[in-house]
């Protein structure tokens, strides 16, 4: 499976209608307690490995300006025939804020590499797997350089779709589904809220050594991927904000371009952010990256993080 210039022959069959048809003023807010999955109180999640209590927060507690920032991203997206799935989780307050498509599944492109790696690392903690030096290197390259060859090797060595299915249970994911074609890992379907649940699982449930493996690999993500693709956009745009650790994704599917920026940002990695986008392929990579710069800049600006918001390219 390749991130770049991939054509899988059409629109994802499981894309479906929007899961949330909300007004800008009614963005969903929920909380995660302890190390459990992120919850929105809307769907029933698959039973997590260790059940946790879920507590809903009221919309009155959401950060000033965050709802408006998400609404602006979605409005600009509609004006350009693009779709943006947005989710933000505050690890300090336990507050999750979703946009209209925060619980809608997009093709994952390379974001699924995070899911596979976290599941493999979990297996090492239960004794179900023991990694070779080569596999350690593949994990680091899959996350930092978005190396497709490294991911192909890990995908085949550790059961491919099984890594996604196990992550669904471990992190209590709601919207994620393994690819219909087992070898095409980039066609995994996942939502912004599920991406953040995997980040939170990695930060709170993996042992310190494995957590640091994920953090260091994502914190040292290169300006270009292993295939030469420019991944300096969104959370990885230059100059980078403090505390950034990110996994990007990019893929062409027919007439659509999937371009994603997900990760952690802020002091002590306080905020988890996911912006998944489905744009017309005719837009081109450069313009698509600029749109993600604008979307992420709008969000981080609303959170009070330093860094100028790039010009509006949407």
Foldseek 3Di string as FASTA:
>chain_A
DAQPADAPDDDPPPQDDFPFDDDLLCWFKWFDDALAATDRPPDQFAAAPDDDDTGGDDPVPDFPQQSVLLVVLQVLQVVAVKHKWKWKAFQVVRMITTDRRQFGWDQQFLLCLLLLLLLQLVCVVVVNDDDDPLLLVLNLQCQQQVDPVSSLVSCVVPPQQVSVVNSSRNRRFDRWDAAPPRSCRSRTIHGNSSSVSSLSNLVRPGPPVSSVSQQVSQVNRDCHHPVRHGPCAACNPPPHFPPWGWGWGWHDYVQKIKTKIWTFHDVVSRMTIIMIMIHGCVCDDVLVRLSSQQSNQSNVVSVVTDDHRDDHSD
